[in-house]
Amino acid sequence: MSTLWTDGNGYFYSGDMRPGDRAATDAEVAAWEAAHRAMPASVQIVSAGTPAVSGFYTTSPPQIDLFAAQEISILATGKFTNGVTTLLWLDNGVTFPDTASFVAVAKAYAAYVTAATLALADGSALPTQPVNIP
């Protein structure tokens, strides 16, 4: 494995070292790897207003990126990335009937993934599941 660099504040990366950063210690790398292994594989989101979007959503980096891409598209254009009015989420088979229902799930998803990431970084308890949304 290549050297991991750190800013000393919990941010790790590979590639070229940035000025002011340092090589991560073996203990820091081990803790970082353990935190990534501890991330729950999915988050259960339960929607009271749109039960059809309730489900388990994978918390892997590619799925996080897909949520972000859709959110950026909705913010920029008001539409899903491919311009359709409904969106089939291939990760779990949920069909979002509109952008509003997607945004509600995406907000809950982002809040959970962020809270879990911070909890793993500082050793506190993971956020509870399911995540309930209106």
Protein backbone atom coordinates (compact mmCIF):
# COMPACT_ATOMS: atom_id res chain seq x y z
CA MET A 1 0.00 0.00 0.00
CA SER A 2 1.25 3.49 -0.74
CA THR A 3 1.96 5.97 2.01
CA LEU A 4 -1.05 7.65 3.54
CA TRP A 5 -0.63 11.30 4.42
CA THR A 6 -2.57 13.18 7.07
CA ASP A 7 -3.24 16.74 8.11
CA GLY A 8 -3.26 15.52 11.72
CA ASN A 9 -6.98 16.23 12.07
CA GLY A 10 -8.40 12.93 10.87
CA TYR A 11 -8.10 13.55 7.11
CA PHE A 12 -6.08 10.88 5.25
CA TYR A 13 -5.12 10.68 1.58
CA SER A 14 -2.61 9.05 -0.76
CA GLY A 15 -0.65 10.56 -3.64
CA ASP A 16 1.40 13.71 -3.32
CA MET A 17 1.92 15.10 0.17
CA ARG A 18 0.57 18.60 0.71
CA PRO A 19 2.70 21.23 2.45
CA GLY A 20 2.32 21.07 6.23
CA ASP A 21 1.03 17.48 6.25
CA ARG A 22 2.92 14.41 7.40
CA ALA A 23 3.01 10.66 6.90
CA ALA A 24 0.32 8.93 8.93
CA THR A 25 1.60 6.62 11.65
CA ASP A 26 0.85 2.90 11.54
CA ALA A 27 -1.55 3.38 14.48
CA GLU A 28 -3.42 6.18 12.67
CA VAL A 29 -3.71 4.09 9.51
CA ALA A 30 -4.97 1.09 11.51
CA ALA A 31 -7.60 3.24 13.25
CA TRP A 32 -8.68 4.78 9.94
CA GLU A 33 -9.00 1.36 8.29
CA ALA A 34 -10.95 -0.01 11.26
CA ALA A 35 -13.34 2.95 11.08
CA HIS A 36 -14.01 2.29 7.39
CA ARG A 37 -14.67 -1.39 8.09
CA ALA A 38 -17.05 -0.42 10.90
CA MET A 39 -19.25 1.81 8.71
CA PRO A 40 -22.66 0.12 8.47
CA ALA A 41 -23.18 -1.39 5.02
CA SER A 42 -26.51 0.39 4.68
CA VAL A 43 -28.89 2.78 6.34
CA GLN A 44 -32.60 2.08 6.65
CA ILE A 45 -34.73 5.09 5.82
CA VAL A 46 -38.46 5.01 6.56
CA SER A 47 -40.72 7.61 4.97
CA ALA A 48 -44.12 8.26 6.53
CA GLY A 49 -45.24 10.54 3.67
CA THR A 50 -43.99 8.43 0.77
CA PRO A 51 -43.72 4.83 2.02
CA ALA A 52 -42.63 3.61 -1.43
CA VAL A 53 -39.20 5.24 -0.94
CA SER A 54 -38.59 3.47 2.37
CA GLY A 55 -35.75 0.99 2.20
CA PHE A 56 -32.14 0.15 2.88
CA TYR A 57 -29.62 2.38 1.10
CA THR A 58 -26.01 1.20 0.73
CA THR A 59 -23.38 3.44 2.33
CA SER A 60 -20.52 2.55 -0.03
CA PRO A 61 -18.50 5.36 -1.65
CA PRO A 62 -20.03 4.75 -5.13
CA GLN A 63 -23.56 5.07 -3.70
CA ILE A 64 -22.60 8.21 -1.79
CA ASP A 65 -21.33 9.64 -5.09
CA LEU A 66 -24.59 8.73 -6.87
CA PHE A 67 -26.64 10.50 -4.20
CA ALA A 68 -24.41 13.55 -4.56
CA ALA A 69 -24.69 13.54 -8.37
CA GLN A 70 -28.49 13.45 -8.23
CA GLU A 71 -28.58 16.21 -5.62
CA ILE A 72 -26.31 18.43 -7.71
CA SER A 73 -28.51 17.87 -10.76
CA ILE A 74 -31.69 18.65 -8.81
CA LEU A 75 -30.14 21.80 -7.34
CA ALA A 76 -28.81 22.95 -10.71
CA THR A 77 -31.72 22.01 -12.99
CA GLY A 78 -34.65 20.98 -10.81
CA LYS A 79 -34.54 17.56 -12.52
CA PHE A 80 -32.95 14.16 -12.12
CA THR A 81 -29.67 13.74 -14.01
CA ASN A 82 -31.25 12.04 -17.00
CA GLY A 83 -34.20 14.45 -17.15
CA VAL A 84 -36.87 11.88 -16.27
CA THR A 85 -39.65 12.68 -13.80
CA THR A 86 -39.23 9.46 -11.78
CA LEU A 87 -36.01 7.70 -10.82
CA LEU A 88 -35.37 3.99 -10.26
CA TRP A 89 -32.65 3.62 -7.62
CA LEU A 90 -30.83 0.48 -8.79
CA ASP A 91 -29.17 -0.09 -5.40
CA ASN A 92 -32.44 -1.25 -3.82
CA GLY A 93 -35.18 -1.10 -6.47
CA VAL A 94 -36.93 1.95 -4.98
CA THR A 95 -38.61 4.24 -7.50
CA PHE A 96 -38.65 7.89 -6.53
CA PRO A 97 -41.90 9.39 -7.80
CA ASP A 98 -40.46 12.90 -7.89
CA THR A 99 -37.43 14.99 -6.98
CA ALA A 100 -38.95 16.10 -3.66
CA SER A 101 -39.09 12.54 -2.36
CA PHE A 102 -35.52 11.97 -3.51
CA VAL A 103 -34.32 15.12 -1.76
CA ALA A 104 -36.00 14.02 1.49
CA VAL A 105 -34.24 10.64 1.36
CA ALA A 106 -30.94 12.19 0.26
CA LYS A 107 -30.98 14.64 3.20
CA ALA A 108 -31.57 11.80 5.66
CA TYR A 109 -28.95 9.65 3.93
CA ALA A 110 -26.33 12.42 3.98
CA ALA A 111 -27.06 13.23 7.63
CA TYR A 112 -26.68 9.57 8.60
CA VAL A 113 -23.47 8.96 6.63
CA THR A 114 -21.93 12.17 8.00
CA ALA A 115 -22.94 11.36 11.59
CA ALA A 116 -21.62 7.79 11.24
CA THR A 117 -18.34 9.02 9.77
CA LEU A 118 -17.86 11.52 12.59
CA ALA A 119 -18.79 8.92 15.21
CA LEU A 120 -16.27 6.47 13.82
CA ALA A 121 -13.61 9.18 13.76
CA ASP A 122 -14.07 10.15 17.40
CA GLY A 123 -15.09 6.76 18.80
CA SER A 124 -18.62 7.75 19.79
CA ALA A 125 -21.77 5.68 19.20
CA LEU A 126 -23.10 5.25 15.69
CA PRO A 127 -26.39 7.02 14.93
CA THR A 128 -29.49 4.90 15.39
CA GLN A 129 -31.53 3.26 12.65
CA PRO A 130 -33.99 3.40 11.09
CA VAL A 131 -33.90 7.04 10.08
CA ASN A 132 -37.48 8.31 9.96
CA ILE A 133 -38.49 11.09 7.58
CA PRO A 134 -41.84 12.79 7.04
